Amino acid sequence: MALEGVILDIDGTLVLSNDVHANTWVEAFAAYDLEVPFEKVKPLMGMGGDQLIPKVVPELNDEEGIGKAIAKLRKELLFDKYIPQITAANGSRNLILKMQKSGLHLVVASSASSEELEIMLKIAQVDDLLSEVTTSDDAEASKPAPDIVEAALKKGQMTPEKVVMLGDSPYDIESAGKAGVGVIALRCGGFSDEQLSGAIAIYNDPEDLLQHYDSSILGANA
């Protein structure tokens, strides 16, 4: 079946940022005397702050008090200290070019803020290729809620049955699944095949998917 389009996650998918994001959260929590180990935060990468903060410290949220301050500090740390540590995933730009050449409609669906997403797209070297984006600003709740995927479907005027999502985390799979969209998962976000077992296919990174493009579900559009 030929597809209409692909919904794209960015962090952990087109850029190698999950470890960096985890470190920003650890440092932000520590600034408020909350010792949260990296090992506890890393598996939550792919969630937005609205989901992550109460998952780590149930009595906090990102809208008030210490939780709001932690979320603000995390963003400041990312921009002031950690951005240079983030690199593009192998093959990101070439995969996007291939999908566009195949006639696929591409829409970004990220739990990041619009400000963060702009930088991540530049790091992935695809900022000149992707103009249709949905972010945390377009959704009431971040992944694993379906809001951002549903917003991407609406923006692209696409139907779930004719779309797949490219992501890296179990939260992409859960979010997309709730919206009726299947996921091609990439291991470069650091999650295991077991954690990604709900995906329709799993590849190492964008380059690996590109090398197997014709035999993938995307190949029907090649």
N, C-alpha and C. Protein backbone atom coordinates (compact mmCIF):
# COMPACT_ATOMS: atom_id res chain seq x y z
N MET A 1 0.84 -1.20 0.00
CA MET A 1 0.00 0.00 0.00
C MET A 1 0.87 1.25 0.00
N ALA A 2 0.61 2.14 -0.94
CA ALA A 2 1.35 3.40 -0.98
C ALA A 2 0.90 4.29 0.17
N LEU A 3 1.85 4.99 0.75
CA LEU A 3 1.57 5.87 1.89
C LEU A 3 1.36 7.30 1.43
N GLU A 4 0.59 8.04 2.24
CA GLU A 4 0.44 9.48 2.00
C GLU A 4 1.63 10.24 2.57
N GLY A 5 2.07 9.81 3.75
CA GLY A 5 3.12 10.58 4.38
C GLY A 5 3.74 9.89 5.57
N VAL A 6 4.70 10.59 6.17
CA VAL A 6 5.42 10.11 7.35
C VAL A 6 5.45 11.21 8.40
N ILE A 7 5.10 10.85 9.61
CA ILE A 7 5.22 11.76 10.75
C ILE A 7 6.58 11.51 11.39
N LEU A 8 7.31 12.58 11.66
CA LEU A 8 8.69 12.46 12.10
C LEU A 8 8.90 12.93 13.54
N ASP A 9 9.42 12.04 14.37
CA ASP A 9 10.00 12.46 15.64
C ASP A 9 11.41 12.96 15.33
N ILE A 10 11.96 13.79 16.20
CA ILE A 10 13.30 14.34 15.94
C ILE A 10 14.32 13.87 16.98
N ASP A 11 14.07 14.15 18.26
CA ASP A 11 15.03 13.78 19.30
C ASP A 11 15.17 12.27 19.41
N GLY A 12 16.40 11.79 19.29
CA GLY A 12 16.66 10.36 19.36
C GLY A 12 16.43 9.65 18.04
N THR A 13 15.83 10.35 17.09
CA THR A 13 15.50 9.78 15.78
C THR A 13 16.39 10.37 14.69
N LEU A 14 16.34 11.69 14.54
CA LEU A 14 17.19 12.37 13.56
C LEU A 14 18.40 13.04 14.22
N VAL A 15 18.33 13.24 15.53
CA VAL A 15 19.49 13.74 16.29
C VAL A 15 19.74 12.84 17.49
N LEU A 16 21.01 12.70 17.86
CA LEU A 16 21.39 11.84 18.99
C LEU A 16 21.42 12.70 20.25
N SER A 17 20.26 12.83 20.86
CA SER A 17 20.10 13.81 21.94
C SER A 17 19.58 13.22 23.24
N ASN A 18 19.20 11.95 23.27
CA ASN A 18 18.52 11.43 24.46
C ASN A 18 19.40 11.45 25.71
N ASP A 19 20.67 11.06 25.58
CA ASP A 19 21.56 11.09 26.75
C ASP A 19 21.75 12.53 27.24
N VAL A 20 21.87 13.44 26.29
CA VAL A 20 22.05 14.86 26.65
C VAL A 20 20.82 15.38 27.40
N HIS A 21 19.64 15.09 26.88
CA HIS A 21 18.42 15.54 27.55
C HIS A 21 18.32 14.93 28.95
N ALA A 22 18.69 13.67 29.08
CA ALA A 22 18.65 13.03 30.40
C ALA A 22 19.58 13.75 31.38
N ASN A 23 20.75 14.12 30.91
CA ASN A 23 21.70 14.83 31.78
C ASN A 23 21.18 16.20 32.19
N THR A 24 20.46 16.89 31.29
CA THR A 24 19.91 18.20 31.67
C THR A 24 18.86 18.04 32.76
N TRP A 25 18.07 16.98 32.68
CA TRP A 25 17.06 16.74 33.72
C TRP A 25 17.73 16.40 35.05
N VAL A 26 18.74 15.55 35.03
CA VAL A 26 19.45 15.17 36.26
C VAL A 26 20.01 16.42 36.94
N GLU A 27 20.64 17.29 36.15
CA GLU A 27 21.24 18.50 36.71
C GLU A 27 20.18 19.47 37.22
N ALA A 28 19.07 19.58 36.50
CA ALA A 28 18.01 20.49 36.93
C ALA A 28 17.35 20.01 38.22
N PHE A 29 17.09 18.72 38.32
CA PHE A 29 16.53 18.18 39.57
C PHE A 29 17.50 18.39 40.73
N ALA A 30 18.79 18.15 40.48
CA ALA A 30 19.81 18.27 41.53
C ALA A 30 19.90 19.69 42.06
N ALA A 31 19.65 20.68 41.20
CA ALA A 31 19.71 22.08 41.62
C ALA A 31 18.66 22.39 42.67
N TYR A 32 17.63 21.56 42.74
CA TYR A 32 16.58 21.73 43.74
C TYR A 32 16.61 20.60 44.77
N ASP A 33 17.83 20.08 44.98
CA ASP A 33 18.09 19.05 46.01
C ASP A 33 17.29 17.77 45.80
N LEU A 34 17.04 17.46 44.56
CA LEU A 34 16.37 16.20 44.22
C LEU A 34 17.37 15.34 43.45
N GLU A 35 17.89 14.33 44.13
CA GLU A 35 18.91 13.47 43.52
C GLU A 35 18.22 12.38 42.70
N VAL A 36 18.15 12.61 41.42
CA VAL A 36 17.51 11.66 40.50
C VAL A 36 18.59 11.07 39.60
N PRO A 37 18.84 9.77 39.69
CA PRO A 37 19.92 9.18 38.89
C PRO A 37 19.62 9.18 37.40
N PHE A 38 20.68 9.26 36.62
CA PHE A 38 20.58 9.21 35.16
C PHE A 38 19.79 7.99 34.71
N GLU A 39 20.02 6.86 35.38
CA GLU A 39 19.38 5.60 35.00
C GLU A 39 17.87 5.64 35.17
N LYS A 40 17.39 6.53 36.02
CA LYS A 40 15.94 6.66 36.20
C LYS A 40 15.33 7.57 35.14
N VAL A 41 16.11 8.56 34.71
CA VAL A 41 15.59 9.54 33.76
C VAL A 41 15.72 9.06 32.31
N LYS A 42 16.83 8.41 31.99
CA LYS A 42 17.09 8.02 30.60
C LYS A 42 15.94 7.23 29.97
N PRO A 43 15.34 6.25 30.66
CA PRO A 43 14.25 5.50 30.03
C PRO A 43 12.99 6.33 29.76
N LEU A 44 12.95 7.56 30.29
CA LEU A 44 11.78 8.42 30.10
C LEU A 44 11.96 9.40 28.94
N MET A 45 13.12 9.34 28.28
CA MET A 45 13.34 10.24 27.16
C MET A 45 12.36 9.93 26.03
N GLY A 46 11.76 10.96 25.52
CA GLY A 46 10.67 10.81 24.55
C GLY A 46 9.38 11.34 25.12
N MET A 47 9.31 11.42 26.44
CA MET A 47 8.20 12.09 27.12
C MET A 47 8.48 13.58 27.16
N GLY A 48 7.43 14.37 27.16
CA GLY A 48 7.59 15.80 27.42
C GLY A 48 7.71 16.04 28.91
N GLY A 49 8.13 17.25 29.29
CA GLY A 49 8.30 17.58 30.69
C GLY A 49 7.02 17.46 31.50
N ASP A 50 5.87 17.72 30.86
CA ASP A 50 4.60 17.62 31.57
C ASP A 50 4.33 16.20 32.05
N GLN A 51 4.89 15.21 31.32
CA GLN A 51 4.72 13.81 31.69
C GLN A 51 5.88 13.33 32.58
N LEU A 52 7.08 13.80 32.26
CA LEU A 52 8.28 13.29 32.93
C LEU A 52 8.37 13.73 34.39
N ILE A 53 8.12 15.00 34.66
CA ILE A 53 8.31 15.51 36.03
C ILE A 53 7.46 14.75 37.05
N PRO A 54 6.15 14.61 36.85
CA PRO A 54 5.37 13.84 37.84
C PRO A 54 5.70 12.35 37.85
N LYS A 55 6.27 11.85 36.75
CA LYS A 55 6.68 10.45 36.73
C LYS A 55 7.88 10.25 37.66
N VAL A 56 8.76 11.24 37.71
CA VAL A 56 9.97 11.16 38.54
C VAL A 56 9.67 11.55 39.98
N VAL A 57 8.93 12.65 40.15
CA VAL A 57 8.55 13.13 41.48
C VAL A 57 7.04 13.38 41.47
N PRO A 58 6.25 12.40 41.90
CA PRO A 58 4.80 12.45 41.74
C PRO A 58 4.11 13.70 42.27
N GLU A 59 4.68 14.34 43.29
CA GLU A 59 4.02 15.51 43.87
C GLU A 59 4.29 16.80 43.10
N LEU A 60 5.11 16.73 42.03
CA LEU A 60 5.44 17.91 41.26
C LEU A 60 4.79 17.88 39.88
N ASN A 61 4.63 19.06 39.28
CA ASN A 61 4.22 19.17 37.88
C ASN A 61 4.95 20.35 37.25
N ASP A 62 4.84 20.47 35.93
CA ASP A 62 5.63 21.49 35.23
C ASP A 62 4.93 22.84 35.14
N GLU A 63 3.79 22.98 35.82
CA GLU A 63 3.01 24.22 35.69
C GLU A 63 3.09 25.12 36.91
N GLU A 64 3.66 24.63 38.00
CA GLU A 64 3.71 25.46 39.21
C GLU A 64 4.85 25.04 40.12
N GLY A 65 5.25 25.95 40.98
CA GLY A 65 6.21 25.65 42.04
C GLY A 65 7.55 25.14 41.56
N ILE A 66 8.11 24.21 42.33
CA ILE A 66 9.44 23.68 42.05
C ILE A 66 9.47 22.96 40.70
N GLY A 67 8.40 22.24 40.38
CA GLY A 67 8.36 21.53 39.10
C GLY A 67 8.50 22.47 37.92
N LYS A 68 7.81 23.59 37.98
CA LYS A 68 7.91 24.59 36.91
C LYS A 68 9.32 25.17 36.83
N ALA A 69 9.92 25.41 38.00
CA ALA A 69 11.28 25.94 38.05
C ALA A 69 12.29 24.95 37.48
N ILE A 70 12.09 23.67 37.77
CA ILE A 70 12.97 22.62 37.24
C ILE A 70 12.88 22.57 35.72
N ALA A 71 11.66 22.63 35.19
CA ALA A 71 11.47 22.60 33.74
C ALA A 71 12.15 23.80 33.08
N LYS A 72 12.04 24.95 33.70
CA LYS A 72 12.67 26.17 33.17
C LYS A 72 14.19 26.05 33.19
N LEU A 73 14.73 25.55 34.30
CA LEU A 73 16.17 25.40 34.41
C LEU A 73 16.70 24.38 33.41
N ARG A 74 15.97 23.29 33.23
CA ARG A 74 16.41 22.27 32.25
C ARG A 74 16.58 22.87 30.87
N LYS A 75 15.63 23.71 30.48
CA LYS A 75 15.70 24.35 29.16
C LYS A 75 16.90 25.29 29.08
N GLU A 76 17.14 26.03 30.16
CA GLU A 76 18.29 26.94 30.19
C GLU A 76 19.60 26.17 30.10
N LEU A 77 19.69 25.06 30.81
CA LEU A 77 20.89 24.23 30.76
C LEU A 77 21.13 23.69 29.36
N LEU A 78 20.06 23.28 28.71
CA LEU A 78 20.18 22.75 27.35
C LEU A 78 20.79 23.79 26.43
N PHE A 79 20.25 25.00 26.47
CA PHE A 79 20.71 26.05 25.57
C PHE A 79 22.08 26.60 25.96
N ASP A 80 22.34 26.72 27.25
CA ASP A 80 23.57 27.36 27.71
C ASP A 80 24.77 26.42 27.76
N LYS A 81 24.51 25.11 27.87
CA LYS A 81 25.61 24.19 28.16
C LYS A 81 25.66 22.96 27.27
N TYR A 82 24.51 22.38 26.96
CA TYR A 82 24.51 21.03 26.41
C TYR A 82 24.32 20.92 24.89
N ILE A 83 23.80 21.95 24.24
CA ILE A 83 23.53 21.88 22.80
C ILE A 83 24.74 21.38 21.99
N PRO A 84 25.97 21.86 22.28
CA PRO A 84 27.12 21.43 21.47
C PRO A 84 27.39 19.92 21.52
N GLN A 85 26.82 19.22 22.50
CA GLN A 85 27.05 17.78 22.62
C GLN A 85 26.13 16.95 21.71
N ILE A 86 25.16 17.60 21.09
CA ILE A 86 24.17 16.88 20.27
C ILE A 86 24.63 16.85 18.81
N THR A 87 24.52 15.68 18.20
CA THR A 87 24.92 15.51 16.80
C THR A 87 23.78 14.89 15.99
N ALA A 88 23.88 15.00 14.69
CA ALA A 88 22.89 14.38 13.80
C ALA A 88 23.05 12.87 13.81
N ALA A 89 21.95 12.16 13.72
CA ALA A 89 22.00 10.71 13.55
C ALA A 89 22.51 10.41 12.14
N ASN A 90 23.18 9.29 12.00
CA ASN A 90 23.76 8.90 10.72
C ASN A 90 22.68 8.77 9.64
N GLY A 91 22.82 9.53 8.57
CA GLY A 91 21.91 9.41 7.43
C GLY A 91 20.64 10.23 7.49
N SER A 92 20.52 11.11 8.48
CA SER A 92 19.25 11.85 8.66
C SER A 92 18.85 12.64 7.42
N ARG A 93 19.74 13.48 6.92
CA ARG A 93 19.38 14.34 5.79
C ARG A 93 19.07 13.51 4.54
N ASN A 94 19.89 12.51 4.27
CA ASN A 94 19.68 11.71 3.06
C ASN A 94 18.37 10.94 3.11
N LEU A 95 17.98 10.49 4.30
CA LEU A 95 16.70 9.78 4.43
C LEU A 95 15.54 10.73 4.15
N ILE A 96 15.61 11.94 4.69
CA ILE A 96 14.54 12.91 4.45
C ILE A 96 14.44 13.23 2.96
N LEU A 97 15.59 13.42 2.31
CA LEU A 97 15.59 13.69 0.87
C LEU A 97 14.98 12.53 0.09
N LYS A 98 15.29 11.31 0.49
CA LYS A 98 14.75 10.12 -0.18
C LYS A 98 13.24 10.05 -0.02
N MET A 99 12.75 10.31 1.17
CA MET A 99 11.30 10.26 1.40
C MET A 99 10.59 11.35 0.61
N GLN A 100 11.19 12.53 0.55
CA GLN A 100 10.58 13.60 -0.24
C GLN A 100 10.58 13.26 -1.73
N LYS A 101 11.67 12.68 -2.21
CA LYS A 101 11.74 12.28 -3.61
C LYS A 101 10.70 11.22 -3.93
N SER A 102 10.34 10.41 -2.92
CA SER A 102 9.33 9.37 -3.09
C SER A 102 7.91 9.93 -3.05
N GLY A 103 7.79 11.23 -2.82
CA GLY A 103 6.48 11.87 -2.81
C GLY A 103 5.75 11.80 -1.49
N LEU A 104 6.47 11.46 -0.42
CA LEU A 104 5.84 11.37 0.89
C LEU A 104 5.69 12.75 1.53
N HIS A 105 4.56 12.97 2.14
CA HIS A 105 4.26 14.22 2.85
C HIS A 105 4.85 14.09 4.25
N LEU A 106 5.77 14.96 4.62
CA LEU A 106 6.48 14.85 5.89
C LEU A 106 6.04 15.94 6.86
N VAL A 107 5.66 15.51 8.07
CA VAL A 107 5.27 16.44 9.12
C VAL A 107 5.98 16.04 10.41
N VAL A 108 6.60 17.00 11.07
CA VAL A 108 7.31 16.75 12.32
C VAL A 108 6.32 16.74 13.48
N ALA A 109 6.50 15.78 14.40
CA ALA A 109 5.69 15.72 15.62
C ALA A 109 6.63 15.51 16.80
N SER A 110 6.93 16.59 17.52
CA SER A 110 7.93 16.54 18.58
C SER A 110 7.36 17.03 19.91
N SER A 111 7.82 16.40 21.00
CA SER A 111 7.44 16.85 22.35
C SER A 111 8.23 18.08 22.77
N ALA A 112 9.19 18.49 21.95
CA ALA A 112 10.00 19.67 22.26
C ALA A 112 9.20 20.95 22.06
N SER A 113 9.70 22.03 22.64
CA SER A 113 9.12 23.34 22.37
C SER A 113 9.55 23.77 20.97
N SER A 114 8.87 24.75 20.41
CA SER A 114 9.21 25.22 19.07
C SER A 114 10.63 25.77 19.02
N GLU A 115 11.07 26.40 20.11
CA GLU A 115 12.42 26.96 20.18
C GLU A 115 13.47 25.85 20.15
N GLU A 116 13.24 24.79 20.92
CA GLU A 116 14.17 23.66 20.93
C GLU A 116 14.17 22.94 19.59
N LEU A 117 12.98 22.75 19.04
CA LEU A 117 12.86 22.02 17.78
C LEU A 117 13.62 22.71 16.66
N GLU A 118 13.56 24.02 16.62
CA GLU A 118 14.27 24.77 15.59
C GLU A 118 15.76 24.44 15.59
N ILE A 119 16.34 24.36 16.79
CA ILE A 119 17.77 24.04 16.90
C ILE A 119 18.04 22.59 16.51
N MET A 120 17.17 21.67 16.94
CA MET A 120 17.38 20.26 16.62
C MET A 120 17.30 20.00 15.11
N LEU A 121 16.41 20.70 14.43
CA LEU A 121 16.31 20.55 12.98
C LEU A 121 17.59 21.04 12.29
N LYS A 122 18.19 22.09 12.84
CA LYS A 122 19.45 22.58 12.28
C LYS A 122 20.58 21.58 12.52
N ILE A 123 20.62 21.00 13.72
CA ILE A 123 21.65 20.00 14.03
C ILE A 123 21.50 18.79 13.12
N ALA A 124 20.26 18.40 12.84
CA ALA A 124 20.00 17.26 11.95
C ALA A 124 20.26 17.60 10.49
N GLN A 125 20.48 18.89 10.21
CA GLN A 125 20.74 19.38 8.85
C GLN A 125 19.54 19.16 7.93
N VAL A 126 18.35 19.35 8.52
CA VAL A 126 17.11 19.20 7.73
C VAL A 126 16.20 20.41 7.89
N ASP A 127 16.70 21.47 8.50
CA ASP A 127 15.85 22.64 8.75
C ASP A 127 15.38 23.29 7.45
N ASP A 128 16.14 23.11 6.37
CA ASP A 128 15.73 23.67 5.08
C ASP A 128 14.78 22.74 4.33
N LEU A 129 14.56 21.55 4.86
CA LEU A 129 13.73 20.55 4.18
C LEU A 129 12.36 20.38 4.81
N LEU A 130 12.26 20.65 6.11
CA LEU A 130 11.02 20.36 6.84
C LEU A 130 10.39 21.66 7.34
N SER A 131 9.23 21.98 6.82
CA SER A 131 8.56 23.23 7.20
C SER A 131 7.28 23.00 7.99
N GLU A 132 6.71 21.81 7.87
CA GLU A 132 5.47 21.51 8.60
C GLU A 132 5.83 20.82 9.91
N VAL A 133 5.57 21.50 11.02
CA VAL A 133 5.96 20.96 12.32
C VAL A 133 4.83 21.12 13.33
N THR A 134 4.76 20.16 14.24
CA THR A 134 3.91 20.29 15.43
C THR A 134 4.79 20.04 16.63
N THR A 135 4.58 20.80 17.69
CA THR A 135 5.41 20.73 18.89
C THR A 135 4.53 20.66 20.13
N SER A 136 5.17 20.74 21.29
CA SER A 136 4.42 20.75 22.54
C SER A 136 3.46 21.94 22.59
N ASP A 137 3.75 22.98 21.82
CA ASP A 137 2.88 24.16 21.78
C ASP A 137 1.53 23.84 21.13
N ASP A 138 1.49 22.76 20.34
CA ASP A 138 0.27 22.40 19.61
C ASP A 138 -0.54 21.32 20.30
N ALA A 139 -0.10 20.91 21.49
CA ALA A 139 -0.74 19.78 22.15
C ALA A 139 -1.01 20.08 23.62
N GLU A 140 -2.13 19.59 24.10
CA GLU A 140 -2.45 19.76 25.51
C GLU A 140 -1.56 18.89 26.38
N ALA A 141 -1.25 17.69 25.88
CA ALA A 141 -0.37 16.76 26.60
C ALA A 141 0.65 16.21 25.62
N SER A 142 1.88 15.99 26.11
CA SER A 142 2.95 15.47 25.25
C SER A 142 2.88 13.95 25.18
N LYS A 143 3.77 13.36 24.40
CA LYS A 143 3.86 11.90 24.32
C LYS A 143 4.10 11.33 25.72
N PRO A 144 3.46 10.21 26.07
CA PRO A 144 2.79 9.24 25.20
C PRO A 144 1.32 9.51 24.90
N ALA A 145 0.79 10.68 25.27
CA ALA A 145 -0.56 11.04 24.82
C ALA A 145 -0.54 11.20 23.30
N PRO A 146 -1.66 11.01 22.64
CA PRO A 146 -1.68 11.06 21.17
C PRO A 146 -1.78 12.46 20.58
N ASP A 147 -1.87 13.48 21.43
CA ASP A 147 -2.19 14.84 20.96
C ASP A 147 -1.29 15.34 19.83
N ILE A 148 0.03 15.16 19.98
CA ILE A 148 0.97 15.71 19.00
C ILE A 148 0.86 14.97 17.67
N VAL A 149 0.67 13.66 17.72
CA VAL A 149 0.50 12.89 16.48
C VAL A 149 -0.80 13.28 15.80
N GLU A 150 -1.85 13.45 16.58
CA GLU A 150 -3.13 13.88 16.01
C GLU A 150 -3.02 15.27 15.40
N ALA A 151 -2.25 16.15 16.05
CA ALA A 151 -2.04 17.49 15.50
C ALA A 151 -1.28 17.43 14.19
N ALA A 152 -0.31 16.51 14.10
CA ALA A 152 0.46 16.35 12.86
C ALA A 152 -0.43 15.82 11.73
N LEU A 153 -1.29 14.87 12.04
CA LEU A 153 -2.23 14.36 11.04
C LEU A 153 -3.13 15.47 10.52
N LYS A 154 -3.61 16.29 11.45
CA LYS A 154 -4.49 17.40 11.07
C LYS A 154 -3.75 18.42 10.22
N LYS A 155 -2.53 18.76 10.64
CA LYS A 155 -1.76 19.76 9.89
C LYS A 155 -1.46 19.26 8.48
N GLY A 156 -1.14 17.97 8.36
CA GLY A 156 -0.81 17.42 7.05
C GLY A 156 -2.02 16.98 6.26
N GLN A 157 -3.21 17.07 6.88
CA GLN A 157 -4.46 16.62 6.25
C GLN A 157 -4.31 15.18 5.74
N MET A 158 -3.80 14.33 6.65
CA MET A 158 -3.54 12.93 6.31
C MET A 158 -4.40 12.01 7.16
N THR A 159 -4.66 10.81 6.64
CA THR A 159 -5.45 9.82 7.37
C THR A 159 -4.51 8.81 8.02
N PRO A 160 -4.80 8.37 9.25
CA PRO A 160 -3.89 7.48 9.99
C PRO A 160 -3.53 6.20 9.23
N GLU A 161 -4.48 5.65 8.49
CA GLU A 161 -4.26 4.38 7.81
C GLU A 161 -3.22 4.47 6.70
N LYS A 162 -2.96 5.69 6.22
CA LYS A 162 -2.03 5.87 5.11
C LYS A 162 -0.76 6.60 5.53
N VAL A 163 -0.47 6.52 6.83
CA VAL A 163 0.69 7.23 7.39
C VAL A 163 1.46 6.28 8.31
N VAL A 164 2.77 6.45 8.37
CA VAL A 164 3.57 5.82 9.42
C VAL A 164 4.33 6.92 10.14
N MET A 165 4.78 6.60 11.34
CA MET A 165 5.60 7.53 12.09
C MET A 165 7.01 6.96 12.21
N LEU A 166 8.00 7.82 12.13
CA LEU A 166 9.38 7.44 12.36
C LEU A 166 9.78 7.94 13.74
N GLY A 167 10.12 7.02 14.65
CA GLY A 167 10.43 7.41 16.02
C GLY A 167 11.48 6.51 16.63
N ASP A 168 11.77 6.75 17.91
CA ASP A 168 12.84 6.00 18.57
C ASP A 168 12.47 5.46 19.93
N SER A 169 11.30 5.82 20.45
CA SER A 169 10.99 5.46 21.83
C SER A 169 9.66 4.72 21.94
N PRO A 170 9.47 4.01 23.05
CA PRO A 170 8.17 3.37 23.27
C PRO A 170 7.05 4.38 23.39
N TYR A 171 7.39 5.64 23.72
CA TYR A 171 6.37 6.68 23.85
C TYR A 171 5.90 7.15 22.48
N ASP A 172 6.79 7.11 21.48
CA ASP A 172 6.36 7.36 20.10
C ASP A 172 5.37 6.28 19.68
N ILE A 173 5.70 5.04 19.99
CA ILE A 173 4.85 3.91 19.60
C ILE A 173 3.48 4.00 20.28
N GLU A 174 3.49 4.33 21.56
CA GLU A 174 2.23 4.45 22.30
C GLU A 174 1.40 5.63 21.80
N SER A 175 2.05 6.76 21.62
CA SER A 175 1.37 7.97 21.16
C SER A 175 0.76 7.76 19.78
N ALA A 176 1.56 7.24 18.86
CA ALA A 176 1.08 7.01 17.50
C ALA A 176 -0.02 5.95 17.47
N GLY A 177 0.16 4.90 18.28
CA GLY A 177 -0.83 3.83 18.32
C GLY A 177 -2.20 4.33 18.74
N LYS A 178 -2.22 5.23 19.71
CA LYS A 178 -3.49 5.80 20.17
C LYS A 178 -4.16 6.63 19.07
N ALA A 179 -3.34 7.11 18.14
CA ALA A 179 -3.86 7.91 17.02
C ALA A 179 -4.09 7.05 15.78
N GLY A 180 -3.86 5.74 15.90
CA GLY A 180 -4.10 4.83 14.79
C GLY A 180 -2.98 4.77 13.76
N VAL A 181 -1.76 5.16 14.18
CA VAL A 181 -0.62 5.22 13.26
C VAL A 181 0.45 4.20 13.67
N GLY A 182 0.96 3.43 12.72
CA GLY A 182 2.05 2.50 12.98
C GLY A 182 3.39 3.22 13.01
N VAL A 183 4.38 2.61 13.66
CA VAL A 183 5.68 3.27 13.84
C VAL A 183 6.83 2.41 13.30
N ILE A 184 7.70 3.05 12.54
CA ILE A 184 9.02 2.50 12.22
C ILE A 184 9.96 3.03 13.29
N ALA A 185 10.57 2.14 14.06
CA ALA A 185 11.41 2.56 15.18
C ALA A 185 12.89 2.45 14.84
N LEU A 186 13.67 3.36 15.40
CA LEU A 186 15.12 3.37 15.23
C LEU A 186 15.80 3.14 16.57
N ARG A 187 16.84 2.31 16.56
CA ARG A 187 17.55 1.97 17.79
C ARG A 187 18.48 3.09 18.27
N CYS A 188 18.75 4.08 17.44
CA CYS A 188 19.74 5.10 17.78
C CYS A 188 19.31 5.97 18.96
N GLY A 189 18.05 5.86 19.40
CA GLY A 189 17.62 6.58 20.58
C GLY A 189 18.02 5.88 21.87
N GLY A 190 18.52 4.65 21.76
CA GLY A 190 19.02 3.95 22.93
C GLY A 190 18.06 2.96 23.56
N PHE A 191 16.91 2.74 22.94
CA PHE A 191 15.95 1.78 23.49
C PHE A 191 16.17 0.41 22.87
N SER A 192 15.84 -0.63 23.64
CA SER A 192 16.06 -2.00 23.18
C SER A 192 14.94 -2.45 22.24
N ASP A 193 15.20 -3.53 21.51
CA ASP A 193 14.17 -4.08 20.63
C ASP A 193 12.94 -4.50 21.43
N GLU A 194 13.17 -4.98 22.64
CA GLU A 194 12.04 -5.36 23.49
C GLU A 194 11.17 -4.14 23.82
N GLN A 195 11.82 -3.03 24.13
CA GLN A 195 11.08 -1.80 24.43
C GLN A 195 10.37 -1.25 23.20
N LEU A 196 10.89 -1.58 22.02
CA LEU A 196 10.33 -1.09 20.76
C LEU A 196 9.47 -2.15 20.07
N SER A 197 9.08 -3.17 20.82
CA SER A 197 8.41 -4.33 20.22
C SER A 197 7.06 -4.00 19.58
N GLY A 198 6.48 -2.86 19.93
CA GLY A 198 5.21 -2.48 19.32
C GLY A 198 5.34 -1.86 17.95
N ALA A 199 6.58 -1.68 17.48
CA ALA A 199 6.80 -1.07 16.17
C ALA A 199 6.52 -2.06 15.05
N ILE A 200 6.22 -1.54 13.87
CA ILE A 200 5.98 -2.42 12.72
C ILE A 200 7.30 -2.87 12.09
N ALA A 201 8.38 -2.12 12.38
CA ALA A 201 9.73 -2.49 11.91
C ALA A 201 10.74 -1.72 12.74
N ILE A 202 11.95 -2.27 12.88
CA ILE A 202 13.01 -1.63 13.65
C ILE A 202 14.30 -1.61 12.83
N TYR A 203 14.94 -0.45 12.78
CA TYR A 203 16.22 -0.29 12.09
C TYR A 203 17.20 0.38 13.05
N ASN A 204 18.49 0.33 12.71
CA ASN A 204 19.50 0.89 13.61
C ASN A 204 19.43 2.41 13.69
N ASP A 205 19.32 3.05 12.54
CA ASP A 205 19.36 4.51 12.46
C ASP A 205 18.83 4.93 11.09
N PRO A 206 18.76 6.22 10.80
CA PRO A 206 18.24 6.65 9.49
C PRO A 206 19.00 6.03 8.31
N GLU A 207 20.32 5.90 8.44
CA GLU A 207 21.11 5.32 7.36
C GLU A 207 20.73 3.87 7.11
N ASP A 208 20.50 3.11 8.16
CA ASP A 208 20.11 1.71 8.02
C ASP A 208 18.76 1.60 7.31
N LEU A 209 17.82 2.46 7.68
CA LEU A 209 16.52 2.47 7.00
C LEU A 209 16.69 2.86 5.54
N LEU A 210 17.55 3.82 5.28
CA LEU A 210 17.80 4.25 3.90
C LEU A 210 18.36 3.11 3.07
N GLN A 211 19.28 2.33 3.65
CA GLN A 211 19.88 1.21 2.93
C GLN A 211 18.86 0.10 2.64
N HIS A 212 17.83 0.02 3.47
CA HIS A 212 16.79 -1.01 3.28
C HIS A 212 15.47 -0.38 2.81
N TYR A 213 15.56 0.80 2.24
CA TYR A 213 14.36 1.58 1.90
C TYR A 213 13.39 0.81 1.01
N ASP A 214 13.91 0.22 -0.06
CA ASP A 214 13.03 -0.42 -1.04
C ASP A 214 12.28 -1.62 -0.47
N SER A 215 12.88 -2.29 0.52
CA SER A 215 12.22 -3.45 1.12
C SER A 215 11.38 -3.07 2.35
N SER A 216 11.42 -1.79 2.73
CA SER A 216 10.65 -1.32 3.88
C SER A 216 9.24 -0.94 3.44
N ILE A 217 8.41 -0.60 4.41
CA ILE A 217 7.05 -0.16 4.10
C ILE A 217 7.06 1.12 3.28
N LEU A 218 8.16 1.88 3.37
CA LEU A 218 8.29 3.11 2.59
C LEU A 218 8.55 2.82 1.12
N GLY A 219 9.01 1.61 0.83
CA GLY A 219 9.41 1.26 -0.52
C GLY A 219 8.28 1.26 -1.53
N ALA A 220 7.05 1.13 -1.06
CA ALA A 220 5.90 1.16 -1.97
C ALA A 220 5.79 2.49 -2.69
N ASN A 221 6.42 3.53 -2.10
CA ASN A 221 6.38 4.86 -2.71
C ASN A 221 7.64 5.17 -3.52
N ALA A 222 8.61 4.25 -3.48
CA ALA A 222 9.89 4.52 -4.14
C ALA A 222 9.75 4.57 -5.66
